[in-house]
Amino acid sequence: MKVEKTKDDLVEEKSPGFFQKLFAWVIIPLLFVIAILLVIAQFTDTNIFEKASEVLPKDEEKSADTKEVEKKIVELNAEVQEKEAQIEKLQRELDEALADNENQKAIQEQLKRRIEELEAGQEEARKDLKEIVNTYEKMSAKDVAPIIVEMNDEQALEILANMKPETLSAVLAKMDPKEAARYTEMLSKRKSSGT
């Protein structure tokens, strides 16, 4: 009686698995070589564990290196914190400078507006003065002279200084000679000072 093998039986007999090959071709020979080396070391009176400890770094060396590395890490962390503090300080200074700059801009804008208001007011005052001077120039010199004498010196000088030369001479001619001399002197001082 013949037993026929099926396909499933053939597949199981085909080849060993990956781990079986690894174990048979690598691990067993490696263990065999190690065993031979240990036997040789025993006969030559060589302590393999001492030789291994000489080759490998000692714990003392490791701890010294570790301490040095830890010390360096602490130093670097301190340096990082110092730099962060400097950055924060510079950021605060920058923020303060920007705020101060904004305040300066606001003050500058206020001053510009104030100057414009003053210039507008000055222009308005010039127009008013010009109208007053035109009014006095239309009047007779005989009527203007007593009015000028009654004004305070600053107002009188403003009006006299802005009159046409012909009108000014006619008004001064109608004043008391002492008053005319006083106003003439004040007008000459005013012109020499440039106001």
C-alpha atoms as a PDB file:
ATOM      1  CA  MET A   1       0.000   0.000   0.000  1.00  0.00           C
ATOM      2  CA  LYS A   2       1.253   3.287  -1.105  1.00  0.00           C
ATOM      3  CA  VAL A   3       0.527   6.410   0.776  1.00  0.00           C
ATOM      4  CA  GLU A   4       0.130   9.393  -1.370  1.00  0.00           C
ATOM      5  CA  LYS A   5       1.402  12.684  -0.118  1.00  0.00           C
ATOM      6  CA  THR A   6      -0.839  15.624  -0.539  1.00  0.00           C
ATOM      7  CA  LYS A   7       0.209  19.129  -1.411  1.00  0.00           C
ATOM      8  CA  ASP A   8      -0.105  20.297   2.217  1.00  0.00           C
ATOM      9  CA  ASP A   9       2.292  17.598   3.373  1.00  0.00           C
ATOM     10  CA  LEU A  10       4.775  18.637   0.722  1.00  0.00           C
ATOM     11  CA  VAL A  11       4.653  22.270   1.752  1.00  0.00           C
ATOM     12  CA  GLU A  12       5.463  21.351   5.358  1.00  0.00           C
ATOM     13  CA  GLU A  13       8.516  19.359   4.305  1.00  0.00           C
ATOM     14  CA  LYS A  14       9.864  21.944   1.882  1.00  0.00           C
ATOM     15  CA  SER A  15      12.143  24.238   3.860  1.00  0.00           C
ATOM     16  CA  PRO A  16      12.907  25.243   7.415  1.00  0.00           C
ATOM     17  CA  GLY A  17      11.742  28.695   8.673  1.00  0.00           C
ATOM     18  CA  PHE A  18      13.840  31.836   8.909  1.00  0.00           C
ATOM     19  CA  PHE A  19      14.511  31.439  12.638  1.00  0.00           C
ATOM     20  CA  GLN A  20      15.569  27.862  12.177  1.00  0.00           C
ATOM     21  CA  LYS A  21      18.069  28.903   9.525  1.00  0.00           C
ATOM     22  CA  LEU A  22      19.340  31.774  11.697  1.00  0.00           C
ATOM     23  CA  PHE A  23      19.771  29.476  14.662  1.00  0.00           C
ATOM     24  CA  ALA A  24      21.461  26.738  12.600  1.00  0.00           C
ATOM     25  CA  TRP A  25      23.827  28.935  10.553  1.00  0.00           C
ATOM     26  CA  VAL A  26      24.666  31.852  12.887  1.00  0.00           C
ATOM     27  CA  ILE A  27      23.919  31.325  16.556  1.00  0.00           C
ATOM     28  CA  ILE A  28      25.212  27.727  16.972  1.00  0.00           C
ATOM     29  CA  PRO A  29      28.539  28.434  15.225  1.00  0.00           C
ATOM     30  CA  LEU A  30      28.905  31.679  17.229  1.00  0.00           C
ATOM     31  CA  LEU A  31      28.362  29.840  20.500  1.00  0.00           C
ATOM     32  CA  PHE A  32      30.857  27.189  19.415  1.00  0.00           C
ATOM     33  CA  VAL A  33      33.529  29.820  18.644  1.00  0.00           C
ATOM     34  CA  ILE A  34      32.932  31.537  22.001  1.00  0.00           C
ATOM     35  CA  ALA A  35      33.278  28.232  23.825  1.00  0.00           C
ATOM     36  CA  ILE A  36      36.580  27.503  22.056  1.00  0.00           C
ATOM     37  CA  LEU A  37      37.888  30.985  22.921  1.00  0.00           C
ATOM     38  CA  LEU A  38      36.982  30.509  26.592  1.00  0.00           C
ATOM     39  CA  VAL A  39      38.798  27.175  26.664  1.00  0.00           C
ATOM     40  CA  ILE A  40      41.898  28.769  25.071  1.00  0.00           C
ATOM     41  CA  ALA A  41      41.768  31.647  27.560  1.00  0.00           C
ATOM     42  CA  GLN A  42      41.570  29.156  30.424  1.00  0.00           C
ATOM     43  CA  PHE A  43      44.670  27.282  29.237  1.00  0.00           C
ATOM     44  CA  THR A  44      46.641  30.517  28.715  1.00  0.00           C
ATOM     45  CA  ASP A  45      45.663  31.726  32.191  1.00  0.00           C
ATOM     46  CA  THR A  46      44.003  34.861  30.806  1.00  0.00           C
ATOM     47  CA  ASN A  47      41.113  36.444  32.712  1.00  0.00           C
ATOM     48  CA  ILE A  48      38.784  37.692  30.006  1.00  0.00           C
ATOM     49  CA  PHE A  49      36.659  39.702  32.448  1.00  0.00           C
ATOM     50  CA  GLU A  50      39.683  41.730  33.644  1.00  0.00           C
ATOM     51  CA  LYS A  51      40.691  42.443  30.059  1.00  0.00           C
ATOM     52  CA  ALA A  52      37.153  43.567  29.262  1.00  0.00           C
ATOM     53  CA  SER A  53      37.078  45.898  32.270  1.00  0.00           C
ATOM     54  CA  GLU A  54      40.373  47.476  31.144  1.00  0.00           C
ATOM     55  CA  VAL A  55      38.973  48.164  27.702  1.00  0.00           C
ATOM     56  CA  LEU A  56      35.612  49.476  28.908  1.00  0.00           C
ATOM     57  CA  PRO A  57      35.552  52.951  30.591  1.00  0.00           C
ATOM     58  CA  LYS A  58      35.544  52.862  34.371  1.00  0.00           C
ATOM     59  CA  ASP A  59      32.634  54.134  36.424  1.00  0.00           C
ATOM     60  CA  GLU A  60      34.854  56.807  37.978  1.00  0.00           C
ATOM     61  CA  GLU A  61      35.692  58.194  34.558  1.00  0.00           C
ATOM     62  CA  LYS A  62      32.037  58.086  33.607  1.00  0.00           C
ATOM     63  CA  SER A  63      31.000  59.937  36.749  1.00  0.00           C
ATOM     64  CA  ALA A  64      33.718  62.592  36.234  1.00  0.00           C
ATOM     65  CA  ASP A  65      32.596  63.081  32.652  1.00  0.00           C
ATOM     66  CA  THR A  66      28.979  63.138  33.767  1.00  0.00           C
ATOM     67  CA  LYS A  67      29.734  65.726  36.456  1.00  0.00           C
ATOM     68  CA  GLU A  68      31.588  67.879  33.944  1.00  0.00           C
ATOM     69  CA  VAL A  69      28.703  67.653  31.487  1.00  0.00           C
ATOM     70  CA  GLU A  70      26.177  68.476  34.210  1.00  0.00           C
ATOM     71  CA  LYS A  71      28.306  71.447  35.293  1.00  0.00           C
ATOM     72  CA  LYS A  72      28.425  72.682  31.699  1.00  0.00           C
ATOM     73  CA  ILE A  73      24.641  72.258  31.403  1.00  0.00           C
ATOM     74  CA  VAL A  74      24.118  74.330  34.576  1.00  0.00           C
ATOM     75  CA  GLU A  75      26.442  77.039  33.227  1.00  0.00           C
ATOM     76  CA  LEU A  76      24.633  77.104  29.894  1.00  0.00           C
ATOM     77  CA  ASN A  77      21.233  77.262  31.609  1.00  0.00           C
ATOM     78  CA  ALA A  78      22.449  80.208  33.710  1.00  0.00           C
ATOM     79  CA  GLU A  79      23.716  81.917  30.562  1.00  0.00           C
ATOM     80  CA  VAL A  80      20.384  81.318  28.813  1.00  0.00           C
ATOM     81  CA  GLN A  81      18.493  82.832  31.754  1.00  0.00           C
ATOM     82  CA  GLU A  82      20.823  85.837  31.759  1.00  0.00           C
ATOM     83  CA  LYS A  83      20.280  86.366  28.031  1.00  0.00           C
ATOM     84  CA  GLU A  84      16.504  86.050  28.458  1.00  0.00           C
ATOM     85  CA  ALA A  85      16.624  88.687  31.227  1.00  0.00           C
ATOM     86  CA  GLN A  86      18.610  90.983  28.924  1.00  0.00           C
ATOM     87  CA  ILE A  87      16.097  90.422  26.136  1.00  0.00           C
ATOM     88  CA  GLU A  88      13.191  91.248  28.455  1.00  0.00           C
ATOM     89  CA  LYS A  89      14.971  94.411  29.646  1.00  0.00           C
ATOM     90  CA  LEU A  90      15.654  95.519  26.072  1.00  0.00           C
ATOM     91  CA  GLN A  91      12.047  94.784  25.113  1.00  0.00           C
ATOM     92  CA  ARG A  92      10.805  96.954  28.008  1.00  0.00           C
ATOM     93  CA  GLU A  93      13.172  99.752  26.981  1.00  0.00           C
ATOM     94  CA  LEU A  94      11.973  99.479  23.392  1.00  0.00           C
ATOM     95  CA  ASP A  95       8.327  99.598  24.493  1.00  0.00           C
ATOM     96  CA  GLU A  96       9.056 102.653  26.664  1.00  0.00           C
ATOM     97  CA  ALA A  97      10.885 104.365  23.808  1.00  0.00           C
ATOM     98  CA  LEU A  98       7.995 103.655  21.426  1.00  0.00           C
ATOM     99  CA  ALA A  99       5.488 105.006  23.965  1.00  0.00           C
ATOM    100  CA  ASP A 100       7.670 108.078  24.526  1.00  0.00           C
ATOM    101  CA  ASN A 101       7.923 108.545  20.764  1.00  0.00           C
ATOM    102  CA  GLU A 102       4.140 108.387  20.451  1.00  0.00           C
ATOM    103  CA  ASN A 103       3.795 110.947  23.263  1.00  0.00           C
ATOM    104  CA  GLN A 104       6.313 113.219  21.520  1.00  0.00           C
ATOM    105  CA  LYS A 105       4.363 112.924  18.275  1.00  0.00           C
ATOM    106  CA  ALA A 106       1.128 113.805  20.057  1.00  0.00           C
ATOM    107  CA  ILE A 107       2.748 116.829  21.721  1.00  0.00           C
ATOM    108  CA  GLN A 108       4.236 117.892  18.391  1.00  0.00           C
ATOM    109  CA  GLU A 109       0.806 117.681  16.748  1.00  0.00           C
ATOM    110  CA  GLN A 110      -0.725 119.755  19.562  1.00  0.00           C
ATOM    111  CA  LEU A 111       2.001 122.375  19.166  1.00  0.00           C
ATOM    112  CA  LYS A 112       1.471 122.491  15.393  1.00  0.00           C
ATOM    113  CA  ARG A 113      -2.252 123.048  15.892  1.00  0.00           C
ATOM    114  CA  ARG A 114      -1.553 125.751  18.482  1.00  0.00           C
ATOM    115  CA  ILE A 115       0.886 127.498  16.110  1.00  0.00           C
ATOM    116  CA  GLU A 116      -1.709 127.363  13.333  1.00  0.00           C
ATOM    117  CA  GLU A 117      -4.326 128.818  15.689  1.00  0.00           C
ATOM    118  CA  LEU A 118      -1.940 131.579  16.760  1.00  0.00           C
ATOM    119  CA  GLU A 119      -1.017 132.347  13.159  1.00  0.00           C
ATOM    120  CA  ALA A 120      -4.701 132.476  12.249  1.00  0.00           C
ATOM    121  CA  GLY A 121      -5.329 134.751  15.225  1.00  0.00           C
ATOM    122  CA  GLN A 122      -2.352 136.900  14.265  1.00  0.00           C
ATOM    123  CA  GLU A 123      -3.627 137.164  10.710  1.00  0.00           C
ATOM    124  CA  GLU A 124      -7.041 138.152  12.027  1.00  0.00           C
ATOM    125  CA  ALA A 125      -5.415 140.766  14.279  1.00  0.00           C
ATOM    126  CA  ARG A 126      -3.489 142.146  11.283  1.00  0.00           C
ATOM    127  CA  LYS A 127      -6.714 142.433   9.301  1.00  0.00           C
ATOM    128  CA  ASP A 128      -8.413 144.195  12.211  1.00  0.00           C
ATOM    129  CA  LEU A 129      -5.448 146.556  12.613  1.00  0.00           C
ATOM    130  CA  LYS A 130      -5.429 147.264   8.890  1.00  0.00           C
ATOM    131  CA  GLU A 131      -9.149 148.112   9.011  1.00  0.00           C
ATOM    132  CA  ILE A 132      -8.591 150.409  11.980  1.00  0.00           C
ATOM    133  CA  VAL A 133      -5.662 152.118  10.236  1.00  0.00           C
ATOM    134  CA  ASN A 134      -7.764 152.517   7.054  1.00  0.00           C
ATOM    135  CA  THR A 135     -10.520 154.059   9.150  1.00  0.00           C
ATOM    136  CA  TYR A 136      -8.124 156.554  10.750  1.00  0.00           C
ATOM    137  CA  GLU A 137      -6.562 157.347   7.375  1.00  0.00           C
ATOM    138  CA  LYS A 138     -10.018 158.252   6.032  1.00  0.00           C
ATOM    139  CA  MET A 139     -10.551 160.659   8.923  1.00  0.00           C
ATOM    140  CA  SER A 140      -8.990 164.090   9.001  1.00  0.00           C
ATOM    141  CA  ALA A 141      -5.627 164.450  10.732  1.00  0.00           C
ATOM    142  CA  LYS A 142      -7.163 167.075  13.060  1.00  0.00           C
ATOM    143  CA  ASP A 143      -9.704 164.457  14.358  1.00  0.00           C
ATOM    144  CA  VAL A 144      -7.206 161.566  14.567  1.00  0.00           C
ATOM    145  CA  ALA A 145      -4.476 163.396  16.576  1.00  0.00           C
ATOM    146  CA  PRO A 146      -6.470 163.799  19.852  1.00  0.00           C
ATOM    147  CA  ILE A 147      -7.693 160.165  19.669  1.00  0.00           C
ATOM    148  CA  ILE A 148      -4.144 158.813  19.282  1.00  0.00           C
ATOM    149  CA  VAL A 149      -2.940 160.896  22.256  1.00  0.00           C
ATOM    150  CA  GLU A 150      -5.646 159.343  24.475  1.00  0.00           C
ATOM    151  CA  MET A 151      -4.669 155.725  23.605  1.00  0.00           C
ATOM    152  CA  ASN A 152      -2.031 153.738  25.486  1.00  0.00           C
ATOM    153  CA  ASP A 153       1.414 153.971  23.881  1.00  0.00           C
ATOM    154  CA  GLU A 154       1.443 150.402  22.503  1.00  0.00           C
ATOM    155  CA  GLN A 155      -1.855 150.757  20.652  1.00  0.00           C
ATOM    156  CA  ALA A 156      -0.980 154.240  19.411  1.00  0.00           C
ATOM    157  CA  LEU A 157       2.383 153.029  18.088  1.00  0.00           C
ATOM    158  CA  GLU A 158       0.716 150.088  16.253  1.00  0.00           C
ATOM    159  CA  ILE A 159      -1.646 152.434  14.471  1.00  0.00           C
ATOM    160  CA  LEU A 160       0.964 155.106  13.720  1.00  0.00           C
ATOM    161  CA  ALA A 161       3.506 152.556  12.462  1.00  0.00           C
ATOM    162  CA  ASN A 162       1.024 151.132   9.936  1.00  0.00           C
ATOM    163  CA  MET A 163      -0.159 154.492   8.543  1.00  0.00           C
ATOM    164  CA  LYS A 164       0.958 155.768   5.178  1.00  0.00           C
ATOM    165  CA  PRO A 165       3.824 158.273   5.530  1.00  0.00           C
ATOM    166  CA  GLU A 166       1.678 161.225   4.278  1.00  0.00           C
ATOM    167  CA  THR A 167      -1.106 160.466   6.759  1.00  0.00           C
ATOM    168  CA  LEU A 168       1.376 159.939   9.604  1.00  0.00           C
ATOM    169  CA  SER A 169       3.045 163.294   8.970  1.00  0.00           C
ATOM    170  CA  ALA A 170      -0.322 165.070   8.874  1.00  0.00           C
ATOM    171  CA  VAL A 171      -1.435 163.457  12.178  1.00  0.00           C
ATOM    172  CA  LEU A 172       1.866 164.303  13.919  1.00  0.00           C
ATOM    173  CA  ALA A 173       1.582 167.890  12.638  1.00  0.00           C
ATOM    174  CA  LYS A 174      -1.822 168.253  14.346  1.00  0.00           C
ATOM    175  CA  MET A 175      -0.512 166.975  17.738  1.00  0.00           C
ATOM    176  CA  ASP A 176       1.030 168.990  20.539  1.00  0.00           C
ATOM    177  CA  PRO A 177       4.765 169.286  19.654  1.00  0.00           C
ATOM    178  CA  LYS A 178       5.833 167.433  22.823  1.00  0.00           C
ATOM    179  CA  GLU A 179       3.475 164.514  22.058  1.00  0.00           C
ATOM    180  CA  ALA A 180       4.556 164.479  18.417  1.00  0.00           C
ATOM    181  CA  ALA A 181       8.220 164.346  19.481  1.00  0.00           C
ATOM    182  CA  ARG A 182       7.532 161.533  21.946  1.00  0.00           C
ATOM    183  CA  TYR A 183       5.678 159.435  19.334  1.00  0.00           C
ATOM    184  CA  THR A 184       8.367 160.151  16.729  1.00  0.00           C
ATOM    185  CA  GLU A 185      11.057 158.973  19.139  1.00  0.00           C
ATOM    186  CA  MET A 186       9.099 155.782  19.961  1.00  0.00           C
ATOM    187  CA  LEU A 187       8.521 155.119  16.254  1.00  0.00           C
ATOM    188  CA  SER A 188      12.222 155.485  15.470  1.00  0.00           C
ATOM    189  CA  LYS A 189      13.171 153.146  18.338  1.00  0.00           C
ATOM    190  CA  ARG A 190      10.616 150.649  17.095  1.00  0.00           C
ATOM    191  CA  LYS A 191      11.979 150.741  13.530  1.00  0.00           C
ATOM    192  CA  SER A 192      15.589 150.419  14.733  1.00  0.00           C
ATOM    193  CA  SER A 193      14.683 147.373  16.884  1.00  0.00           C
ATOM    194  CA  GLY A 194      12.969 145.784  13.867  1.00  0.00           C
ATOM    195  CA  THR A 195       9.477 145.249  15.354  1.00  0.00           C
END
